[in-house]
């Protein structure tokens, strides 16, 4: 009698090891964005979150490999950041991410104050009751954020308060420059903590600004904006407390 054949042993399925995937740069919501723009957005997000630290040098080869892109869109994005003041190009050394110095902050305050005051003088008389209501509501939102020590919430409401009049300006270059300098001040990197006395003081200054606008005194409102709200001298004690971890002033 023939011996039954032993069934052939099946080989175990072959395991496929997936390679580590670099960060996805394709934007499904906007596939028309260039690779340079996507790399730029990635770098800005890393800078805001603290993934890229001020003062460090960027290794183009390592970063290009990590992102799965060539050096060309990476260099183009970094050149864009260099033109905006976030990065310095050092010969034979590469790209260094700029630190924010006290002089930088002073100069940014001077520029923002002058530009916002100019915009307000131009558009102040066109502000509507709805604009004033929105600005007052945003002040309330900022007070709530201060009480909750929620800087992100405060920051968004603060930008929206100023944008209420900035968006009425037809000078797109002026508005873009103001937004860029605010990013340099508050998003490099975004700080998790806040100086509550400063934020509360800022809301009070907003209320003083609204009172002047309600009286129709646009020049006085613009002067307040430039020489109080965006005055480096007025805000300097808070600036030292926020940026350089010195003892904050009392409210």
C-alpha atoms as a PDB file:
ATOM      1  CA  UNK A   1       0.000   0.000   0.000  1.00  0.00           C
ATOM      2  CA  UNK A   2       1.415   3.352  -1.039  1.00  0.00           C
ATOM      3  CA  UNK A   3       2.279   5.772   1.737  1.00  0.00           C
ATOM      4  CA  UNK A   4       0.209   8.943   1.673  1.00  0.00           C
ATOM      5  CA  UNK A   5       2.123  11.970   0.556  1.00  0.00           C
ATOM      6  CA  UNK A   6       2.995  14.449   3.239  1.00  0.00           C
ATOM      7  CA  UNK A   7       1.415  17.813   2.347  1.00  0.00           C
ATOM      8  CA  UNK A   8       3.959  20.407   1.377  1.00  0.00           C
ATOM      9  CA  UNK A   9       4.663  22.919   4.090  1.00  0.00           C
ATOM     10  CA  UNK A  10       3.616  26.380   3.157  1.00  0.00           C
ATOM     11  CA  UNK A  11       6.199  29.075   3.448  1.00  0.00           C
ATOM     12  CA  UNK A  12       5.237  31.844   5.832  1.00  0.00           C
ATOM     13  CA  UNK A  13       4.234  35.052   4.062  1.00  0.00           C
ATOM     14  CA  UNK A  14       7.134  37.323   3.384  1.00  0.00           C
ATOM     15  CA  UNK A  15       7.187  40.388   5.590  1.00  0.00           C
ATOM     16  CA  UNK A  16       7.499  43.678   3.833  1.00  0.00           C
ATOM     17  CA  UNK A  17       9.257  46.349   5.827  1.00  0.00           C
ATOM     18  CA  UNK A  18       8.020  49.805   4.955  1.00  0.00           C
ATOM     19  CA  UNK A  19      10.614  52.476   4.752  1.00  0.00           C
ATOM     20  CA  UNK A  20      10.276  55.492   7.025  1.00  0.00           C
ATOM     21  CA  UNK A  21       8.258  58.074   5.180  1.00  0.00           C
ATOM     22  CA  UNK A  22       9.296  61.731   5.245  1.00  0.00           C
ATOM     23  CA  UNK A  23       6.754  64.406   6.228  1.00  0.00           C
ATOM     24  CA  UNK A  24       4.018  64.718   3.620  1.00  0.00           C
ATOM     25  CA  UNK A  25       4.298  68.039   1.846  1.00  0.00           C
ATOM     26  CA  UNK A  26       1.467  67.688  -0.658  1.00  0.00           C
ATOM     27  CA  UNK A  27      -1.485  69.874   0.292  1.00  0.00           C
ATOM     28  CA  UNK A  28      -4.667  67.979  -0.752  1.00  0.00           C
ATOM     29  CA  UNK A  29      -6.775  71.108  -0.250  1.00  0.00           C
ATOM     30  CA  UNK A  30      -4.614  73.114  -2.639  1.00  0.00           C
ATOM     31  CA  UNK A  31      -2.729  70.851  -5.079  1.00  0.00           C
ATOM     32  CA  UNK A  32      -1.664  73.862  -7.160  1.00  0.00           C
ATOM     33  CA  UNK A  33       0.786  75.055  -4.495  1.00  0.00           C
ATOM     34  CA  UNK A  34       4.376  74.687  -5.627  1.00  0.00           C
ATOM     35  CA  UNK A  35       6.844  72.476  -3.802  1.00  0.00           C
ATOM     36  CA  UNK A  36       8.763  75.601  -2.786  1.00  0.00           C
ATOM     37  CA  UNK A  37       5.603  77.007  -1.143  1.00  0.00           C
ATOM     38  CA  UNK A  38       4.937  73.732   0.644  1.00  0.00           C
ATOM     39  CA  UNK A  39       8.514  73.579   1.943  1.00  0.00           C
ATOM     40  CA  UNK A  40       8.227  77.219   3.064  1.00  0.00           C
ATOM     41  CA  UNK A  41       5.009  76.481   4.969  1.00  0.00           C
ATOM     42  CA  UNK A  42       6.632  73.444   6.593  1.00  0.00           C
ATOM     43  CA  UNK A  43       9.658  75.481   7.728  1.00  0.00           C
ATOM     44  CA  UNK A  44       7.463  78.287   9.112  1.00  0.00           C
ATOM     45  CA  UNK A  45       5.361  75.764  11.036  1.00  0.00           C
ATOM     46  CA  UNK A  46       8.515  74.186  12.474  1.00  0.00           C
ATOM     47  CA  UNK A  47       9.819  77.605  13.468  1.00  0.00           C
ATOM     48  CA  UNK A  48       6.566  78.561  15.200  1.00  0.00           C
ATOM     49  CA  UNK A  49       6.371  75.244  17.082  1.00  0.00           C
ATOM     50  CA  UNK A  50      10.018  75.322  18.152  1.00  0.00           C
ATOM     51  CA  UNK A  51      11.056  72.398  15.954  1.00  0.00           C
ATOM     52  CA  UNK A  52      13.647  74.723  14.432  1.00  0.00           C
ATOM     53  CA  UNK A  53      15.405  76.869  17.009  1.00  0.00           C
ATOM     54  CA  UNK A  54      16.776  80.406  16.611  1.00  0.00           C
ATOM     55  CA  UNK A  55      20.542  80.453  16.202  1.00  0.00           C
ATOM     56  CA  UNK A  56      20.932  76.991  14.671  1.00  0.00           C
ATOM     57  CA  UNK A  57      22.363  76.198  11.238  1.00  0.00           C
ATOM     58  CA  UNK A  58      20.310  74.250   8.710  1.00  0.00           C
ATOM     59  CA  UNK A  59      21.887  71.184   7.106  1.00  0.00           C
ATOM     60  CA  UNK A  60      20.442  71.321   3.596  1.00  0.00           C
ATOM     61  CA  UNK A  61      21.358  67.728   2.727  1.00  0.00           C
ATOM     62  CA  UNK A  62      19.861  66.289   5.907  1.00  0.00           C
ATOM     63  CA  UNK A  63      16.673  68.355   5.700  1.00  0.00           C
ATOM     64  CA  UNK A  64      16.181  67.675   1.979  1.00  0.00           C
ATOM     65  CA  UNK A  65      16.566  63.945   2.641  1.00  0.00           C
ATOM     66  CA  UNK A  66      14.146  64.064   5.573  1.00  0.00           C
ATOM     67  CA  UNK A  67      11.507  65.885   3.516  1.00  0.00           C
ATOM     68  CA  UNK A  68      12.068  63.764   0.436  1.00  0.00           C
ATOM     69  CA  UNK A  69      12.750  66.756  -1.801  1.00  0.00           C
ATOM     70  CA  UNK A  70      15.716  68.074  -3.747  1.00  0.00           C
ATOM     71  CA  UNK A  71      17.840  70.919  -2.439  1.00  0.00           C
ATOM     72  CA  UNK A  72      16.374  73.342  -5.012  1.00  0.00           C
ATOM     73  CA  UNK A  73      12.889  73.971  -3.478  1.00  0.00           C
ATOM     74  CA  UNK A  74      14.511  73.945  -0.035  1.00  0.00           C
ATOM     75  CA  UNK A  75      17.018  76.634  -1.028  1.00  0.00           C
ATOM     76  CA  UNK A  76      14.253  78.686  -2.657  1.00  0.00           C
ATOM     77  CA  UNK A  77      12.140  78.524   0.513  1.00  0.00           C
ATOM     78  CA  UNK A  78      15.140  79.512   2.656  1.00  0.00           C
ATOM     79  CA  UNK A  79      15.952  82.422   0.345  1.00  0.00           C
ATOM     80  CA  UNK A  80      12.371  83.596   0.824  1.00  0.00           C
ATOM     81  CA  UNK A  81      12.814  83.357   4.596  1.00  0.00           C
ATOM     82  CA  UNK A  82      16.102  85.253   4.266  1.00  0.00           C
ATOM     83  CA  UNK A  83      14.362  88.104   2.429  1.00  0.00           C
ATOM     84  CA  UNK A  84      11.845  88.265   5.299  1.00  0.00           C
ATOM     85  CA  UNK A  85      14.532  88.428   7.979  1.00  0.00           C
ATOM     86  CA  UNK A  86      14.067  84.953   9.472  1.00  0.00           C
ATOM     87  CA  UNK A  87      17.327  83.544   8.089  1.00  0.00           C
ATOM     88  CA  UNK A  88      20.858  84.785   7.442  1.00  0.00           C
ATOM     89  CA  UNK A  89      23.068  83.349   4.690  1.00  0.00           C
ATOM     90  CA  UNK A  90      26.684  82.947   5.801  1.00  0.00           C
ATOM     91  CA  UNK A  91      29.286  82.298   3.047  1.00  0.00           C
ATOM     92  CA  UNK A  92      30.551  78.693   3.069  1.00  0.00           C
ATOM     93  CA  UNK A  93      28.564  77.984   6.220  1.00  0.00           C
ATOM     94  CA  UNK A  94      24.965  77.894   4.990  1.00  0.00           C
ATOM     95  CA  UNK A  95      21.732  79.169   6.505  1.00  0.00           C
ATOM     96  CA  UNK A  96      21.415  80.271  10.124  1.00  0.00           C
ATOM     97  CA  UNK A  97      18.053  80.941  11.760  1.00  0.00           C
ATOM     98  CA  UNK A  98      18.088  84.442  13.236  1.00  0.00           C
ATOM     99  CA  UNK A  99      17.577  85.116  16.900  1.00  0.00           C
ATOM    100  CA  UNK A 100      15.301  87.967  17.976  1.00  0.00           C
ATOM    101  CA  UNK A 101      17.369  90.674  19.674  1.00  0.00           C
ATOM    102  CA  UNK A 102      16.229  93.633  21.742  1.00  0.00           C
ATOM    103  CA  UNK A 103      17.240  95.968  18.892  1.00  0.00           C
ATOM    104  CA  UNK A 104      15.145  93.884  16.472  1.00  0.00           C
ATOM    105  CA  UNK A 105      12.125  94.260  18.752  1.00  0.00           C
ATOM    106  CA  UNK A 106      12.684  98.018  19.087  1.00  0.00           C
ATOM    107  CA  UNK A 107      12.891  98.469  15.322  1.00  0.00           C
ATOM    108  CA  UNK A 108       9.864  96.270  14.654  1.00  0.00           C
ATOM    109  CA  UNK A 109       7.775  98.263  17.139  1.00  0.00           C
ATOM    110  CA  UNK A 110       8.812 101.524  15.475  1.00  0.00           C
ATOM    111  CA  UNK A 111       7.895 100.230  12.018  1.00  0.00           C
ATOM    112  CA  UNK A 112       4.600  98.589  13.023  1.00  0.00           C
ATOM    113  CA  UNK A 113       3.534 101.665  14.989  1.00  0.00           C
ATOM    114  CA  UNK A 114       4.236 103.994  12.075  1.00  0.00           C
ATOM    115  CA  UNK A 115       2.521 101.745   9.525  1.00  0.00           C
ATOM    116  CA  UNK A 116      -0.583 101.009  11.595  1.00  0.00           C
ATOM    117  CA  UNK A 117      -0.958 104.692  12.498  1.00  0.00           C
ATOM    118  CA  UNK A 118      -0.724 105.630   8.809  1.00  0.00           C
ATOM    119  CA  UNK A 119      -3.329 103.017   7.914  1.00  0.00           C
ATOM    120  CA  UNK A 120      -5.687 104.190  10.654  1.00  0.00           C
ATOM    121  CA  UNK A 121      -5.429 107.830   9.553  1.00  0.00           C
ATOM    122  CA  UNK A 122      -6.349 106.679   6.055  1.00  0.00           C
ATOM    123  CA  UNK A 123      -9.313 104.457   6.928  1.00  0.00           C
ATOM    124  CA  UNK A 124     -10.452 105.638  10.368  1.00  0.00           C
ATOM    125  CA  UNK A 125     -13.425 107.629   9.096  1.00  0.00           C
ATOM    126  CA  UNK A 126     -14.702 104.640   7.111  1.00  0.00           C
ATOM    127  CA  UNK A 127     -15.031 102.370  10.155  1.00  0.00           C
ATOM    128  CA  UNK A 128     -18.638 101.352  10.799  1.00  0.00           C
ATOM    129  CA  UNK A 129     -20.699 100.552  13.885  1.00  0.00           C
ATOM    130  CA  UNK A 130     -20.241  96.885  12.981  1.00  0.00           C
ATOM    131  CA  UNK A 131     -16.461  97.356  13.028  1.00  0.00           C
ATOM    132  CA  UNK A 132     -16.613  98.947  16.478  1.00  0.00           C
ATOM    133  CA  UNK A 133     -18.879  96.161  17.753  1.00  0.00           C
ATOM    134  CA  UNK A 134     -16.480  93.537  16.428  1.00  0.00           C
ATOM    135  CA  UNK A 135     -13.472  95.226  18.050  1.00  0.00           C
ATOM    136  CA  UNK A 136     -15.277  95.429  21.400  1.00  0.00           C
ATOM    137  CA  UNK A 137     -16.226  91.743  21.140  1.00  0.00           C
ATOM    138  CA  UNK A 138     -12.608  90.867  20.404  1.00  0.00           C
ATOM    139  CA  UNK A 139     -11.503  92.819  23.480  1.00  0.00           C
ATOM    140  CA  UNK A 140     -13.907  90.699  25.548  1.00  0.00           C
ATOM    141  CA  UNK A 141     -12.450  87.566  23.948  1.00  0.00           C
ATOM    142  CA  UNK A 142      -8.935  88.732  24.846  1.00  0.00           C
ATOM    143  CA  UNK A 143      -9.943  89.292  28.469  1.00  0.00           C
ATOM    144  CA  UNK A 144     -11.340  85.768  28.626  1.00  0.00           C
ATOM    145  CA  UNK A 145      -8.103  84.407  27.129  1.00  0.00           C
ATOM    146  CA  UNK A 146      -5.988  86.345  29.640  1.00  0.00           C
ATOM    147  CA  UNK A 147      -7.990  84.924  32.549  1.00  0.00           C
ATOM    148  CA  UNK A 148      -7.523  81.422  31.112  1.00  0.00           C
ATOM    149  CA  UNK A 149      -3.811  82.046  30.429  1.00  0.00           C
ATOM    150  CA  UNK A 150      -4.457  80.913  26.856  1.00  0.00           C
ATOM    151  CA  UNK A 151      -1.918  82.777  24.741  1.00  0.00           C
ATOM    152  CA  UNK A 152      -2.926  81.200  21.428  1.00  0.00           C
ATOM    153  CA  UNK A 153      -6.529  82.310  21.906  1.00  0.00           C
ATOM    154  CA  UNK A 154      -5.372  85.779  22.945  1.00  0.00           C
ATOM    155  CA  UNK A 155      -2.999  86.064  19.986  1.00  0.00           C
ATOM    156  CA  UNK A 156      -5.677  85.203  17.405  1.00  0.00           C
ATOM    157  CA  UNK A 157      -8.140  87.712  18.891  1.00  0.00           C
ATOM    158  CA  UNK A 158      -5.451  90.403  19.126  1.00  0.00           C
ATOM    159  CA  UNK A 159      -4.509  90.023  15.458  1.00  0.00           C
ATOM    160  CA  UNK A 160      -8.192  90.146  14.491  1.00  0.00           C
ATOM    161  CA  UNK A 161      -8.681  93.362  16.504  1.00  0.00           C
ATOM    162  CA  UNK A 162      -5.975  95.177  14.542  1.00  0.00           C
ATOM    163  CA  UNK A 163      -7.025  93.583  11.264  1.00  0.00           C
ATOM    164  CA  UNK A 164     -10.476  95.149  11.643  1.00  0.00           C
ATOM    165  CA  UNK A 165      -9.057  98.459  10.447  1.00  0.00           C
ATOM    166  CA  UNK A 166      -6.026  97.128   8.556  1.00  0.00           C
ATOM    167  CA  UNK A 167      -8.205  95.114   6.177  1.00  0.00           C
ATOM    168  CA  UNK A 168      -9.896  98.353   5.064  1.00  0.00           C
ATOM    169  CA  UNK A 169      -6.567  99.678   3.797  1.00  0.00           C
ATOM    170  CA  UNK A 170      -5.972  99.483   0.047  1.00  0.00           C
ATOM    171  CA  UNK A 171      -2.209  99.435   0.650  1.00  0.00           C
ATOM    172  CA  UNK A 172      -1.603  95.686   0.460  1.00  0.00           C
ATOM    173  CA  UNK A 173       2.165  96.063   0.853  1.00  0.00           C
ATOM    174  CA  UNK A 174       1.733  97.981   4.101  1.00  0.00           C
ATOM    175  CA  UNK A 175      -0.608  95.350   5.533  1.00  0.00           C
ATOM    176  CA  UNK A 176       1.664  92.479   4.425  1.00  0.00           C
ATOM    177  CA  UNK A 177       4.671  94.126   6.086  1.00  0.00           C
ATOM    178  CA  UNK A 178       2.757  94.595   9.352  1.00  0.00           C
ATOM    179  CA  UNK A 179       1.684  90.938   9.351  1.00  0.00           C
ATOM    180  CA  UNK A 180       5.223  89.764   8.609  1.00  0.00           C
ATOM    181  CA  UNK A 181       6.760  91.787  11.430  1.00  0.00           C
ATOM    182  CA  UNK A 182       4.145  90.481  13.863  1.00  0.00           C
ATOM    183  CA  UNK A 183       5.103  86.953  12.864  1.00  0.00           C
ATOM    184  CA  UNK A 184       8.731  87.828  13.625  1.00  0.00           C
ATOM    185  CA  UNK A 185       7.696  89.165  17.022  1.00  0.00           C
ATOM    186  CA  UNK A 186       5.267  86.482  18.155  1.00  0.00           C
ATOM    187  CA  UNK A 187       5.837  83.352  16.058  1.00  0.00           C
ATOM    188  CA  UNK A 188       9.582  82.756  16.321  1.00  0.00           C
ATOM    189  CA  UNK A 189       8.918  80.612  18.183  1.00  0.00           C
ATOM    190  CA  UNK A 190       5.391  80.961  19.558  1.00  0.00           C
ATOM    191  CA  UNK A 191       5.658  81.182  23.337  1.00  0.00           C
ATOM    192  CA  UNK A 192       3.287  79.094  25.399  1.00  0.00           C
ATOM    193  CA  UNK A 193       3.244  81.382  28.425  1.00  0.00           C
ATOM    194  CA  UNK A 194       2.035  84.963  28.655  1.00  0.00           C
ATOM    195  CA  UNK A 195       2.746  87.993  30.809  1.00  0.00           C
ATOM    196  CA  UNK A 196      -0.784  88.553  32.065  1.00  0.00           C
ATOM    197  CA  UNK A 197      -0.129  92.113  33.226  1.00  0.00           C
ATOM    198  CA  UNK A 198       1.009  93.001  29.688  1.00  0.00           C
ATOM    199  CA  UNK A 199      -1.957  91.392  27.977  1.00  0.00           C
ATOM    200  CA  UNK A 200      -4.399  93.096  30.357  1.00  0.00           C
ATOM    201  CA  UNK A 201      -2.621  96.404  29.791  1.00  0.00           C
ATOM    202  CA  UNK A 202      -2.886  95.883  26.040  1.00  0.00           C
ATOM    203  CA  UNK A 203      -6.653  95.353  26.251  1.00  0.00           C
ATOM    204  CA  UNK A 204      -6.979  98.596  28.224  1.00  0.00           C
ATOM    205  CA  UNK A 205      -5.041 100.382  25.475  1.00  0.00           C
ATOM    206  CA  UNK A 206      -7.445  98.915  22.923  1.00  0.00           C
ATOM    207  CA  UNK A 207     -10.362 100.333  24.885  1.00  0.00           C
ATOM    208  CA  UNK A 208      -8.702 103.768  24.951  1.00  0.00           C
ATOM    209  CA  UNK A 209      -8.217 103.517  21.198  1.00  0.00           C
ATOM    210  CA  UNK A 210     -11.889 102.655  20.683  1.00  0.00           C
ATOM    211  CA  UNK A 211     -12.952 105.609  22.826  1.00  0.00           C
ATOM    212  CA  UNK A 212     -10.954 108.013  20.630  1.00  0.00           C
ATOM    213  CA  UNK A 213     -12.324 106.440  17.452  1.00  0.00           C
ATOM    214  CA  UNK A 214     -15.883 106.720  18.792  1.00  0.00           C
ATOM    215  CA  UNK A 215     -15.302 110.457  19.289  1.00  0.00           C
ATOM    216  CA  UNK A 216     -14.193 110.727  15.668  1.00  0.00           C
ATOM    217  CA  UNK A 217     -10.710 111.918  16.695  1.00  0.00           C
ATOM    218  CA  UNK A 218      -8.777 109.818  14.202  1.00  0.00           C
ATOM    219  CA  UNK A 219      -5.502 111.718  14.600  1.00  0.00           C
ATOM    220  CA  UNK A 220      -5.522 111.238  18.377  1.00  0.00           C
ATOM    221  CA  UNK A 221      -6.368 107.534  17.897  1.00  0.00           C
ATOM    222  CA  UNK A 222      -3.469 107.128  15.448  1.00  0.00           C
ATOM    223  CA  UNK A 223      -1.107 108.921  17.844  1.00  0.00           C
ATOM    224  CA  UNK A 224      -2.228 106.630  20.669  1.00  0.00           C
ATOM    225  CA  UNK A 225      -1.626 103.604  18.455  1.00  0.00           C
ATOM    226  CA  UNK A 226       1.886 104.708  17.479  1.00  0.00           C
ATOM    227  CA  UNK A 227       3.158 106.432  20.613  1.00  0.00           C
ATOM    228  CA  UNK A 228       1.524 104.296  23.304  1.00  0.00           C
ATOM    229  CA  UNK A 229       0.341 100.918  22.029  1.00  0.00           C
ATOM    230  CA  UNK A 230       3.347 100.370  19.745  1.00  0.00           C
ATOM    231  CA  UNK A 231       5.808 102.493  21.696  1.00  0.00           C
ATOM    232  CA  UNK A 232       8.911 100.511  22.566  1.00  0.00           C
ATOM    233  CA  UNK A 233       9.623 102.875  25.473  1.00  0.00           C
ATOM    234  CA  UNK A 234       6.135 102.428  26.937  1.00  0.00           C
ATOM    235  CA  UNK A 235       6.127  98.655  26.466  1.00  0.00           C
ATOM    236  CA  UNK A 236       9.794  97.977  27.292  1.00  0.00           C
ATOM    237  CA  UNK A 237       9.287  96.602  30.851  1.00  0.00           C
ATOM    238  CA  UNK A 238       6.777  94.081  29.483  1.00  0.00           C
ATOM    239  CA  UNK A 239       9.046  93.259  26.530  1.00  0.00           C
ATOM    240  CA  UNK A 240      11.899  92.354  28.868  1.00  0.00           C
ATOM    241  CA  UNK A 241       9.546  90.173  30.921  1.00  0.00           C
ATOM    242  CA  UNK A 242       8.124  88.368  27.892  1.00  0.00           C
ATOM    243  CA  UNK A 243      11.188  87.862  25.707  1.00  0.00           C
ATOM    244  CA  UNK A 244      13.990  87.683  28.233  1.00  0.00           C
ATOM    245  CA  UNK A 245      12.257  86.116  31.266  1.00  0.00           C
ATOM    246  CA  UNK A 246      12.876  89.038  33.563  1.00  0.00           C
ATOM    247  CA  UNK A 247      10.638  89.912  36.490  1.00  0.00           C
ATOM    248  CA  UNK A 248       7.342  91.143  34.991  1.00  0.00           C
ATOM    249  CA  UNK A 249       5.916  94.501  36.070  1.00  0.00           C
ATOM    250  CA  UNK A 250       2.910  94.479  38.359  1.00  0.00           C
ATOM    251  CA  UNK A 251      -0.505  95.346  36.943  1.00  0.00           C
END
